[in-house]
Amino acid sequence: TNQVTHVYSANKNTAEMIRLIEILTTK
């Protein structure tokens, strides 16, 4: 669908990846 889902992160780490995946599973 060419749709972008984004978040702003404080660091590049596993916790931020988990936060983005949780948003994707909900959306």
mmCIF file of all heavy atoms, coordinates in Angstrom:
data_MODEL
# 
_entry.id   MODEL 
# 
loop_
_atom_site.group_PDB 
_atom_site.id 
_atom_site.type_symbol 
_atom_site.label_atom_id 
_atom_site.label_alt_id 
_atom_site.label_comp_id 
_atom_site.label_asym_id 
_atom_site.label_entity_id 
_atom_site.label_seq_id 
_atom_site.pdbx_PDB_ins_code 
_atom_site.Cartn_x 
_atom_site.Cartn_y 
_atom_site.Cartn_z 
_atom_site.occupancy 
_atom_site.B_iso_or_equiv 
_atom_site.pdbx_formal_charge 
_atom_site.auth_seq_id 
_atom_site.auth_comp_id 
_atom_site.auth_asym_id 
_atom_site.auth_atom_id 
_atom_site.pdbx_PDB_model_num 
ATOM 1   N N   . THR A 1 1  ? 0.805  -1.219 0.000  1.00 0.00 ? 1  THR A N   1 
ATOM 2   C CA  . THR A 1 1  ? 0.000  0.000  0.000  1.00 0.00 ? 1  THR A CA  1 
ATOM 3   C C   . THR A 1 1  ? 0.835  1.263  0.000  1.00 0.00 ? 1  THR A C   1 
ATOM 4   O O   . THR A 1 1  ? 0.289  2.366  -0.100 1.00 0.00 ? 1  THR A O   1 
ATOM 5   C CB  . THR A 1 1  ? -0.923 0.026  1.234  1.00 0.00 ? 1  THR A CB  1 
ATOM 6   O OG1 . THR A 1 1  ? -0.121 -0.050 2.424  1.00 0.00 ? 1  THR A OG1 1 
ATOM 7   C CG2 . THR A 1 1  ? -1.892 -1.142 1.206  1.00 0.00 ? 1  THR A CG2 1 
ATOM 8   N N   . ASN A 1 2  ? 2.146  1.137  0.149  1.00 0.00 ? 2  ASN A N   1 
ATOM 9   C CA  . ASN A 1 2  ? 3.051  2.274  0.148  1.00 0.00 ? 2  ASN A CA  1 
ATOM 10  C C   . ASN A 1 2  ? 2.734  3.261  1.272  1.00 0.00 ? 2  ASN A C   1 
ATOM 11  O O   . ASN A 1 2  ? 2.788  4.476  1.082  1.00 0.00 ? 2  ASN A O   1 
ATOM 12  C CB  . ASN A 1 2  ? 3.012  3.010  -1.199 1.00 0.00 ? 2  ASN A CB  1 
ATOM 13  C CG  . ASN A 1 2  ? 4.406  3.340  -1.701 1.00 0.00 ? 2  ASN A CG  1 
ATOM 14  O OD1 . ASN A 1 2  ? 5.253  3.747  -0.929 1.00 0.00 ? 2  ASN A OD1 1 
ATOM 15  N ND2 . ASN A 1 2  ? 4.623  3.163  -2.998 1.00 0.00 ? 2  ASN A ND2 1 
ATOM 16  N N   . GLN A 1 3  ? 2.422  2.740  2.464  1.00 0.00 ? 3  GLN A N   1 
ATOM 17  C CA  . GLN A 1 3  ? 2.118  3.562  3.623  1.00 0.00 ? 3  GLN A CA  1 
ATOM 18  C C   . GLN A 1 3  ? 3.285  3.491  4.604  1.00 0.00 ? 3  GLN A C   1 
ATOM 19  O O   . GLN A 1 3  ? 3.853  2.421  4.827  1.00 0.00 ? 3  GLN A O   1 
ATOM 20  C CB  . GLN A 1 3  ? 0.828  3.091  4.301  1.00 0.00 ? 3  GLN A CB  1 
ATOM 21  C CG  . GLN A 1 3  ? -0.406 3.197  3.418  1.00 0.00 ? 3  GLN A CG  1 
ATOM 22  C CD  . GLN A 1 3  ? -0.725 4.643  3.059  1.00 0.00 ? 3  GLN A CD  1 
ATOM 23  O OE1 . GLN A 1 3  ? -0.997 5.464  3.927  1.00 0.00 ? 3  GLN A OE1 1 
ATOM 24  N NE2 . GLN A 1 3  ? -0.685 4.941  1.763  1.00 0.00 ? 3  GLN A NE2 1 
ATOM 25  N N   . VAL A 1 4  ? 3.614  4.643  5.191  1.00 0.00 ? 4  VAL A N   1 
ATOM 26  C CA  . VAL A 1 4  ? 4.739  4.744  6.114  1.00 0.00 ? 4  VAL A CA  1 
ATOM 27  C C   . VAL A 1 4  ? 4.209  4.926  7.534  1.00 0.00 ? 4  VAL A C   1 
ATOM 28  O O   . VAL A 1 4  ? 3.349  5.791  7.779  1.00 0.00 ? 4  VAL A O   1 
ATOM 29  C CB  . VAL A 1 4  ? 5.662  5.922  5.742  1.00 0.00 ? 4  VAL A CB  1 
ATOM 30  C CG1 . VAL A 1 4  ? 6.811  6.041  6.752  1.00 0.00 ? 4  VAL A CG1 1 
ATOM 31  C CG2 . VAL A 1 4  ? 6.208  5.745  4.341  1.00 0.00 ? 4  VAL A CG2 1 
ATOM 32  N N   . THR A 1 5  ? 4.716  4.107  8.447  1.00 0.00 ? 5  THR A N   1 
ATOM 33  C CA  . THR A 1 5  ? 4.439  4.240  9.875  1.00 0.00 ? 5  THR A CA  1 
ATOM 34  C C   . THR A 1 5  ? 5.756  4.594  10.560 1.00 0.00 ? 5  THR A C   1 
ATOM 35  O O   . THR A 1 5  ? 6.765  3.921  10.352 1.00 0.00 ? 5  THR A O   1 
ATOM 36  C CB  . THR A 1 5  ? 3.875  2.931  10.449 1.00 0.00 ? 5  THR A CB  1 
ATOM 37  O OG1 . THR A 1 5  ? 2.707  2.559  9.706  1.00 0.00 ? 5  THR A OG1 1 
ATOM 38  C CG2 . THR A 1 5  ? 3.537  3.086  11.916 1.00 0.00 ? 5  THR A CG2 1 
ATOM 39  N N   . HIS A 1 6  ? 5.757  5.649  11.391 1.00 0.00 ? 6  HIS A N   1 
ATOM 40  C CA  . HIS A 1 6  ? 7.027  6.110  11.958 1.00 0.00 ? 6  HIS A CA  1 
ATOM 41  C C   . HIS A 1 6  ? 6.867  6.512  13.409 1.00 0.00 ? 6  HIS A C   1 
ATOM 42  O O   . HIS A 1 6  ? 5.759  6.871  13.859 1.00 0.00 ? 6  HIS A O   1 
ATOM 43  C CB  . HIS A 1 6  ? 7.567  7.287  11.150 1.00 0.00 ? 6  HIS A CB  1 
ATOM 44  C CG  . HIS A 1 6  ? 6.764  8.554  11.321 1.00 0.00 ? 6  HIS A CG  1 
ATOM 45  N ND1 . HIS A 1 6  ? 5.527  8.745  10.736 1.00 0.00 ? 6  HIS A ND1 1 
ATOM 46  C CD2 . HIS A 1 6  ? 7.022  9.697  12.026 1.00 0.00 ? 6  HIS A CD2 1 
ATOM 47  C CE1 . HIS A 1 6  ? 5.061  9.938  11.050 1.00 0.00 ? 6  HIS A CE1 1 
ATOM 48  N NE2 . HIS A 1 6  ? 5.945  10.545 11.832 1.00 0.00 ? 6  HIS A NE2 1 
ATOM 49  N N   . VAL A 1 7  ? 7.973  6.457  14.110 1.00 0.00 ? 7  VAL A N   1 
ATOM 50  C CA  . VAL A 1 7  ? 8.079  6.946  15.484 1.00 0.00 ? 7  VAL A CA  1 
ATOM 51  C C   . VAL A 1 7  ? 9.422  7.643  15.613 1.00 0.00 ? 7  VAL A C   1 
ATOM 52  O O   . VAL A 1 7  ? 10.329 7.430  14.807 1.00 0.00 ? 7  VAL A O   1 
ATOM 53  C CB  . VAL A 1 7  ? 7.975  5.793  16.521 1.00 0.00 ? 7  VAL A CB  1 
ATOM 54  C CG1 . VAL A 1 7  ? 6.617  5.135  16.469 1.00 0.00 ? 7  VAL A CG1 1 
ATOM 55  C CG2 . VAL A 1 7  ? 9.091  4.771  16.294 1.00 0.00 ? 7  VAL A CG2 1 
ATOM 56  N N   . TYR A 1 8  ? 9.547  8.484  16.643 1.00 0.00 ? 8  TYR A N   1 
ATOM 57  C CA  . TYR A 1 8  ? 10.809 9.151  16.930 1.00 0.00 ? 8  TYR A CA  1 
ATOM 58  C C   . TYR A 1 8  ? 11.456 8.447  18.120 1.00 0.00 ? 8  TYR A C   1 
ATOM 59  O O   . TYR A 1 8  ? 10.814 8.215  19.164 1.00 0.00 ? 8  TYR A O   1 
ATOM 60  C CB  . TYR A 1 8  ? 10.584 10.624 17.239 1.00 0.00 ? 8  TYR A CB  1 
ATOM 61  C CG  . TYR A 1 8  ? 10.045 11.378 16.046 1.00 0.00 ? 8  TYR A CG  1 
ATOM 62  C CD1 . TYR A 1 8  ? 8.690  11.662 15.931 1.00 0.00 ? 8  TYR A CD1 1 
ATOM 63  C CD2 . TYR A 1 8  ? 10.886 11.788 15.022 1.00 0.00 ? 8  TYR A CD2 1 
ATOM 64  C CE1 . TYR A 1 8  ? 8.182  12.342 14.838 1.00 0.00 ? 8  TYR A CE1 1 
ATOM 65  C CE2 . TYR A 1 8  ? 10.393 12.480 13.919 1.00 0.00 ? 8  TYR A CE2 1 
ATOM 66  C CZ  . TYR A 1 8  ? 9.043  12.745 13.833 1.00 0.00 ? 8  TYR A CZ  1 
ATOM 67  O OH  . TYR A 1 8  ? 8.553  13.407 12.741 1.00 0.00 ? 8  TYR A OH  1 
ATOM 68  N N   . SER A 1 9  ? 12.730 8.099  17.967 1.00 0.00 ? 9  SER A N   1 
ATOM 69  C CA  . SER A 1 9  ? 13.430 7.302  18.965 1.00 0.00 ? 9  SER A CA  1 
ATOM 70  C C   . SER A 1 9  ? 14.552 8.114  19.591 1.00 0.00 ? 9  SER A C   1 
ATOM 71  O O   . SER A 1 9  ? 15.128 9.009  18.958 1.00 0.00 ? 9  SER A O   1 
ATOM 72  C CB  . SER A 1 9  ? 14.007 6.030  18.336 1.00 0.00 ? 9  SER A CB  1 
ATOM 73  O OG  . SER A 1 9  ? 12.995 5.299  17.656 1.00 0.00 ? 9  SER A OG  1 
ATOM 74  N N   . ALA A 1 10 ? 14.847 7.758  20.832 1.00 0.00 ? 10 ALA A N   1 
ATOM 75  C CA  . ALA A 1 10 ? 15.978 8.384  21.517 1.00 0.00 ? 10 ALA A CA  1 
ATOM 76  C C   . ALA A 1 10 ? 17.283 7.694  21.169 1.00 0.00 ? 10 ALA A C   1 
ATOM 77  O O   . ALA A 1 10 ? 18.344 8.319  21.167 1.00 0.00 ? 10 ALA A O   1 
ATOM 78  C CB  . ALA A 1 10 ? 15.753 8.363  23.031 1.00 0.00 ? 10 ALA A CB  1 
ATOM 79  N N   . ASN A 1 11 ? 17.211 6.383  20.873 1.00 0.00 ? 11 ASN A N   1 
ATOM 80  C CA  . ASN A 1 11 ? 18.404 5.610  20.540 1.00 0.00 ? 11 ASN A CA  1 
ATOM 81  C C   . ASN A 1 11 ? 18.034 4.564  19.505 1.00 0.00 ? 11 ASN A C   1 
ATOM 82  O O   . ASN A 1 11 ? 16.856 4.272  19.264 1.00 0.00 ? 11 ASN A O   1 
ATOM 83  C CB  . ASN A 1 11 ? 18.975 4.924  21.790 1.00 0.00 ? 11 ASN A CB  1 
ATOM 84  C CG  . ASN A 1 11 ? 19.437 5.908  22.843 1.00 0.00 ? 11 ASN A CG  1 
ATOM 85  O OD1 . ASN A 1 11 ? 20.428 6.590  22.669 1.00 0.00 ? 11 ASN A OD1 1 
ATOM 86  N ND2 . ASN A 1 11 ? 18.692 5.999  23.941 1.00 0.00 ? 11 ASN A ND2 1 
ATOM 87  N N   . LYS A 1 12 ? 19.060 3.978  18.917 1.00 0.00 ? 12 LYS A N   1 
ATOM 88  C CA  . LYS A 1 12 ? 18.873 2.839  18.034 1.00 0.00 ? 12 LYS A CA  1 
ATOM 89  C C   . LYS A 1 12 ? 19.129 1.579  18.849 1.00 0.00 ? 12 LYS A C   1 
ATOM 90  O O   . LYS A 1 12 ? 20.288 1.205  19.078 1.00 0.00 ? 12 LYS A O   1 
ATOM 91  C CB  . LYS A 1 12 ? 19.837 2.904  16.849 1.00 0.00 ? 12 LYS A CB  1 
ATOM 92  C CG  . LYS A 1 12 ? 19.586 4.046  15.884 1.00 0.00 ? 12 LYS A CG  1 
ATOM 93  C CD  . LYS A 1 12 ? 20.547 3.990  14.716 1.00 0.00 ? 12 LYS A CD  1 
ATOM 94  C CE  . LYS A 1 12 ? 20.310 5.101  13.720 1.00 0.00 ? 12 LYS A CE  1 
ATOM 95  N NZ  . LYS A 1 12 ? 21.236 5.025  12.562 1.00 0.00 ? 12 LYS A NZ  1 
ATOM 96  N N   . ASN A 1 13 ? 18.061 0.931  19.307 1.00 0.00 ? 13 ASN A N   1 
ATOM 97  C CA  . ASN A 1 13 ? 18.220 -0.258 20.128 1.00 0.00 ? 13 ASN A CA  1 
ATOM 98  C C   . ASN A 1 13 ? 17.010 -1.160 19.972 1.00 0.00 ? 13 ASN A C   1 
ATOM 99  O O   . ASN A 1 13 ? 16.055 -0.853 19.244 1.00 0.00 ? 13 ASN A O   1 
ATOM 100 C CB  . ASN A 1 13 ? 18.438 0.114  21.599 1.00 0.00 ? 13 ASN A CB  1 
ATOM 101 C CG  . ASN A 1 13 ? 17.350 1.050  22.123 1.00 0.00 ? 13 ASN A CG  1 
ATOM 102 O OD1 . ASN A 1 13 ? 16.210 1.008  21.661 1.00 0.00 ? 13 ASN A OD1 1 
ATOM 103 N ND2 . ASN A 1 13 ? 17.703 1.886  23.087 1.00 0.00 ? 13 ASN A ND2 1 
ATOM 104 N N   . THR A 1 14 ? 17.044 -2.269 20.677 1.00 0.00 ? 14 THR A N   1 
ATOM 105 C CA  . THR A 1 14 ? 15.978 -3.273 20.567 1.00 0.00 ? 14 THR A CA  1 
ATOM 106 C C   . THR A 1 14 ? 14.663 -2.736 21.107 1.00 0.00 ? 14 THR A C   1 
ATOM 107 O O   . THR A 1 14 ? 13.585 -3.048 20.566 1.00 0.00 ? 14 THR A O   1 
ATOM 108 C CB  . THR A 1 14 ? 16.396 -4.532 21.326 1.00 0.00 ? 14 THR A CB  1 
ATOM 109 O OG1 . THR A 1 14 ? 17.612 -5.033 20.762 1.00 0.00 ? 14 THR A OG1 1 
ATOM 110 C CG2 . THR A 1 14 ? 15.334 -5.611 21.221 1.00 0.00 ? 14 THR A CG2 1 
ATOM 111 N N   . ALA A 1 15 ? 14.709 -1.941 22.162 1.00 0.00 ? 15 ALA A N   1 
ATOM 112 C CA  . ALA A 1 15 ? 13.475 -1.420 22.744 1.00 0.00 ? 15 ALA A CA  1 
ATOM 113 C C   . ALA A 1 15 ? 12.687 -0.589 21.744 1.00 0.00 ? 15 ALA A C   1 
ATOM 114 O O   . ALA A 1 15 ? 11.449 -0.679 21.679 1.00 0.00 ? 15 ALA A O   1 
ATOM 115 C CB  . ALA A 1 15 ? 13.810 -0.590 23.986 1.00 0.00 ? 15 ALA A CB  1 
ATOM 116 N N   . GLU A 1 16 ? 13.366 0.215  20.943 1.00 0.00 ? 16 GLU A N   1 
ATOM 117 C CA  . GLU A 1 16 ? 12.678 1.022  19.938 1.00 0.00 ? 16 GLU A CA  1 
ATOM 118 C C   . GLU A 1 16 ? 12.094 0.146  18.836 1.00 0.00 ? 16 GLU A C   1 
ATOM 119 O O   . GLU A 1 16 ? 11.018 0.443  18.296 1.00 0.00 ? 16 GLU A O   1 
ATOM 120 C CB  . GLU A 1 16 ? 13.643 2.052  19.358 1.00 0.00 ? 16 GLU A CB  1 
ATOM 121 C CG  . GLU A 1 16 ? 14.162 3.058  20.364 1.00 0.00 ? 16 GLU A CG  1 
ATOM 122 C CD  . GLU A 1 16 ? 13.058 3.898  20.958 1.00 0.00 ? 16 GLU A CD  1 
ATOM 123 O OE1 . GLU A 1 16 ? 12.034 4.106  20.273 1.00 0.00 ? 16 GLU A OE1 1 
ATOM 124 O OE2 . GLU A 1 16 ? 13.194 4.334  22.112 1.00 0.00 ? 16 GLU A OE2 1 
ATOM 125 N N   . MET A 1 17 ? 12.792 -0.935 18.465 1.00 0.00 ? 17 MET A N   1 
ATOM 126 C CA  . MET A 1 17 ? 12.243 -1.858 17.481 1.00 0.00 ? 17 MET A CA  1 
ATOM 127 C C   . MET A 1 17 ? 10.965 -2.507 18.006 1.00 0.00 ? 17 MET A C   1 
ATOM 128 O O   . MET A 1 17 ? 9.975  -2.648 17.286 1.00 0.00 ? 17 MET A O   1 
ATOM 129 C CB  . MET A 1 17 ? 13.283 -2.932 17.146 1.00 0.00 ? 17 MET A CB  1 
ATOM 130 C CG  . MET A 1 17 ? 14.383 -2.501 16.196 1.00 0.00 ? 17 MET A CG  1 
ATOM 131 S SD  . MET A 1 17 ? 13.771 -2.230 14.505 1.00 0.00 ? 17 MET A SD  1 
ATOM 132 C CE  . MET A 1 17 ? 13.616 -0.457 14.520 1.00 0.00 ? 17 MET A CE  1 
ATOM 133 N N   . ILE A 1 18 ? 10.991 -2.904 19.272 1.00 0.00 ? 18 ILE A N   1 
ATOM 134 C CA  . ILE A 1 18 ? 9.792  -3.526 19.867 1.00 0.00 ? 18 ILE A CA  1 
ATOM 135 C C   . ILE A 1 18 ? 8.640  -2.529 19.887 1.00 0.00 ? 18 ILE A C   1 
ATOM 136 O O   . ILE A 1 18 ? 7.485  -2.877 19.595 1.00 0.00 ? 18 ILE A O   1 
ATOM 137 C CB  . ILE A 1 18 ? 10.125 -4.039 21.279 1.00 0.00 ? 18 ILE A CB  1 
ATOM 138 C CG1 . ILE A 1 18 ? 11.129 -5.197 21.194 1.00 0.00 ? 18 ILE A CG1 1 
ATOM 139 C CG2 . ILE A 1 18 ? 8.862  -4.476 22.014 1.00 0.00 ? 18 ILE A CG2 1 
ATOM 140 C CD1 . ILE A 1 18 ? 11.599 -5.712 22.539 1.00 0.00 ? 18 ILE A CD1 1 
ATOM 141 N N   . ARG A 1 19 ? 8.934  -1.260 20.200 1.00 0.00 ? 19 ARG A N   1 
ATOM 142 C CA  . ARG A 1 19 ? 7.875  -0.247 20.233 1.00 0.00 ? 19 ARG A CA  1 
ATOM 143 C C   . ARG A 1 19 ? 7.252  -0.055 18.853 1.00 0.00 ? 19 ARG A C   1 
ATOM 144 O O   . ARG A 1 19 ? 6.028  0.057  18.714 1.00 0.00 ? 19 ARG A O   1 
ATOM 145 C CB  . ARG A 1 19 ? 8.454  1.078  20.736 1.00 0.00 ? 19 ARG A CB  1 
ATOM 146 C CG  . ARG A 1 19 ? 7.428  2.190  20.914 1.00 0.00 ? 19 ARG A CG  1 
ATOM 147 C CD  . ARG A 1 19 ? 7.970  3.269  21.838 1.00 0.00 ? 19 ARG A CD  1 
ATOM 148 N NE  . ARG A 1 19 ? 9.025  4.025  21.200 1.00 0.00 ? 19 ARG A NE  1 
ATOM 149 C CZ  . ARG A 1 19 ? 8.821  5.209  20.582 1.00 0.00 ? 19 ARG A CZ  1 
ATOM 150 N NH1 . ARG A 1 19 ? 7.600  5.719  20.524 1.00 0.00 ? 19 ARG A NH1 1 
ATOM 151 N NH2 . ARG A 1 19 ? 9.833  5.854  20.060 1.00 0.00 ? 19 ARG A NH2 1 
ATOM 152 N N   . LEU A 1 20 ? 8.076  -0.040 17.784 1.00 0.00 ? 20 LEU A N   1 
ATOM 153 C CA  . LEU A 1 20 ? 7.541  0.114  16.434 1.00 0.00 ? 20 LEU A CA  1 
ATOM 154 C C   . LEU A 1 20 ? 6.724  -1.106 16.034 1.00 0.00 ? 20 LEU A C   1 
ATOM 155 O O   . LEU A 1 20 ? 5.639  -0.981 15.427 1.00 0.00 ? 20 LEU A O   1 
ATOM 156 C CB  . LEU A 1 20 ? 8.680  0.342  15.437 1.00 0.00 ? 20 LEU A CB  1 
ATOM 157 C CG  . LEU A 1 20 ? 8.284  0.461  13.974 1.00 0.00 ? 20 LEU A CG  1 
ATOM 158 C CD1 . LEU A 1 20 ? 7.381  1.657  13.739 1.00 0.00 ? 20 LEU A CD1 1 
ATOM 159 C CD2 . LEU A 1 20 ? 9.512  0.546  13.073 1.00 0.00 ? 20 LEU A CD2 1 
ATOM 160 N N   . ILE A 1 21 ? 7.188  -2.315 16.386 1.00 0.00 ? 21 ILE A N   1 
ATOM 161 C CA  . ILE A 1 21 ? 6.453  -3.532 16.010 1.00 0.00 ? 21 ILE A CA  1 
ATOM 162 C C   . ILE A 1 21 ? 5.110  -3.579 16.726 1.00 0.00 ? 21 ILE A C   1 
ATOM 163 O O   . ILE A 1 21 ? 4.089  -4.018 16.154 1.00 0.00 ? 21 ILE A O   1 
ATOM 164 C CB  . ILE A 1 21 ? 7.302  -4.776 16.316 1.00 0.00 ? 21 ILE A CB  1 
ATOM 165 C CG1 . ILE A 1 21 ? 8.575  -4.767 15.451 1.00 0.00 ? 21 ILE A CG1 1 
ATOM 166 C CG2 . ILE A 1 21 ? 6.511  -6.051 16.048 1.00 0.00 ? 21 ILE A CG2 1 
ATOM 167 C CD1 . ILE A 1 21 ? 9.562  -5.848 15.809 1.00 0.00 ? 21 ILE A CD1 1 
ATOM 168 N N   . GLU A 1 22 ? 5.049  -3.139 17.975 1.00 0.00 ? 22 GLU A N   1 
ATOM 169 C CA  . GLU A 1 22 ? 3.770  -3.102 18.683 1.00 0.00 ? 22 GLU A CA  1 
ATOM 170 C C   . GLU A 1 22 ? 2.784  -2.176 17.991 1.00 0.00 ? 22 GLU A C   1 
ATOM 171 O O   . GLU A 1 22 ? 1.587  -2.475 17.885 1.00 0.00 ? 22 GLU A O   1 
ATOM 172 C CB  . GLU A 1 22 ? 4.002  -2.651 20.133 1.00 0.00 ? 22 GLU A CB  1 
ATOM 173 C CG  . GLU A 1 22 ? 4.697  -3.703 20.996 1.00 0.00 ? 22 GLU A CG  1 
ATOM 174 C CD  . GLU A 1 22 ? 4.988  -3.178 22.397 1.00 0.00 ? 22 GLU A CD  1 
ATOM 175 O OE1 . GLU A 1 22 ? 4.947  -1.934 22.589 1.00 0.00 ? 22 GLU A OE1 1 
ATOM 176 O OE2 . GLU A 1 22 ? 5.272  -3.993 23.293 1.00 0.00 ? 22 GLU A OE2 1 
ATOM 177 N N   . ILE A 1 23 ? 3.274  -1.030 17.501 1.00 0.00 ? 23 ILE A N   1 
ATOM 178 C CA  . ILE A 1 23 ? 2.400  -0.120 16.762 1.00 0.00 ? 23 ILE A CA  1 
ATOM 179 C C   . ILE A 1 23 ? 1.903  -0.775 15.477 1.00 0.00 ? 23 ILE A C   1 
ATOM 180 O O   . ILE A 1 23 ? 0.718  -0.656 15.104 1.00 0.00 ? 23 ILE A O   1 
ATOM 181 C CB  . ILE A 1 23 ? 3.144  1.191  16.469 1.00 0.00 ? 23 ILE A CB  1 
ATOM 182 C CG1 . ILE A 1 23 ? 3.465  1.921  17.770 1.00 0.00 ? 23 ILE A CG1 1 
ATOM 183 C CG2 . ILE A 1 23 ? 2.326  2.084  15.543 1.00 0.00 ? 23 ILE A CG2 1 
ATOM 184 C CD1 . ILE A 1 23 ? 4.314  3.160  17.580 1.00 0.00 ? 23 ILE A CD1 1 
ATOM 185 N N   . LEU A 1 24 ? 2.788  -1.513 14.795 1.00 0.00 ? 24 LEU A N   1 
ATOM 186 C CA  . LEU A 1 24 ? 2.392  -2.173 13.539 1.00 0.00 ? 24 LEU A CA  1 
ATOM 187 C C   . LEU A 1 24 ? 1.366  -3.267 13.792 1.00 0.00 ? 24 LEU A C   1 
ATOM 188 O O   . LEU A 1 24 ? 0.400  -3.425 13.026 1.00 0.00 ? 24 LEU A O   1 
ATOM 189 C CB  . LEU A 1 24 ? 3.627  -2.746 12.834 1.00 0.00 ? 24 LEU A CB  1 
ATOM 190 C CG  . LEU A 1 24 ? 4.655  -1.735 12.313 1.00 0.00 ? 24 LEU A CG  1 
ATOM 191 C CD1 . LEU A 1 24 ? 5.847  -2.450 11.707 1.00 0.00 ? 24 LEU A CD1 1 
ATOM 192 C CD2 . LEU A 1 24 ? 4.023  -0.815 11.275 1.00 0.00 ? 24 LEU A CD2 1 
ATOM 193 N N   . THR A 1 25 ? 1.546  -4.058 14.863 1.00 0.00 ? 25 THR A N   1 
ATOM 194 C CA  . THR A 1 25 ? 0.581  -5.131 15.147 1.00 0.00 ? 25 THR A CA  1 
ATOM 195 C C   . THR A 1 25 ? -0.781 -4.569 15.507 1.00 0.00 ? 25 THR A C   1 
ATOM 196 O O   . THR A 1 25 ? -1.820 -5.183 15.201 1.00 0.00 ? 25 THR A O   1 
ATOM 197 C CB  . THR A 1 25 ? 1.108  -6.007 16.288 1.00 0.00 ? 25 THR A CB  1 
ATOM 198 O OG1 . THR A 1 25 ? 1.413  -5.168 17.422 1.00 0.00 ? 25 THR A OG1 1 
ATOM 199 C CG2 . THR A 1 25 ? 2.356  -6.761 15.857 1.00 0.00 ? 25 THR A CG2 1 
ATOM 200 N N   . THR A 1 26 ? -0.807 -3.405 16.140 1.00 0.00 ? 26 THR A N   1 
ATOM 201 C CA  . THR A 1 26 ? -2.100 -2.779 16.457 1.00 0.00 ? 26 THR A CA  1 
ATOM 202 C C   . THR A 1 26 ? -2.738 -2.188 15.206 1.00 0.00 ? 26 THR A C   1 
ATOM 203 O O   . THR A 1 26 ? -3.957 -2.331 14.980 1.00 0.00 ? 26 THR A O   1 
ATOM 204 C CB  . THR A 1 26 ? -1.896 -1.679 17.519 1.00 0.00 ? 26 THR A CB  1 
ATOM 205 O OG1 . THR A 1 26 ? -1.289 -2.245 18.685 1.00 0.00 ? 26 THR A OG1 1 
ATOM 206 C CG2 . THR A 1 26 ? -3.222 -1.042 17.897 1.00 0.00 ? 26 THR A CG2 1 
ATOM 207 N N   . LYS A 1 27 ? -1.929 -1.507 14.379 1.00 0.00 ? 27 LYS A N   1 
ATOM 208 C CA  . LYS A 1 27 ? -2.462 -0.855 13.176 1.00 0.00 ? 27 LYS A CA  1 
ATOM 209 C C   . LYS A 1 27 ? -2.910 -1.874 12.137 1.00 0.00 ? 27 LYS A C   1 
ATOM 210 O O   . LYS A 1 27 ? -3.905 -1.666 11.431 1.00 0.00 ? 27 LYS A O   1 
ATOM 211 C CB  . LYS A 1 27 ? -1.395 0.064  12.601 1.00 0.00 ? 27 LYS A CB  1 
ATOM 212 C CG  . LYS A 1 27 ? -1.846 0.891  11.415 1.00 0.00 ? 27 LYS A CG  1 
ATOM 213 C CD  . LYS A 1 27 ? -0.758 1.845  10.970 1.00 0.00 ? 27 LYS A CD  1 
ATOM 214 C CE  . LYS A 1 27 ? -1.199 2.683  9.785  1.00 0.00 ? 27 LYS A CE  1 
ATOM 215 N NZ  . LYS A 1 27 ? -0.126 3.626  9.355  1.00 0.00 ? 27 LYS A NZ  1 
# 
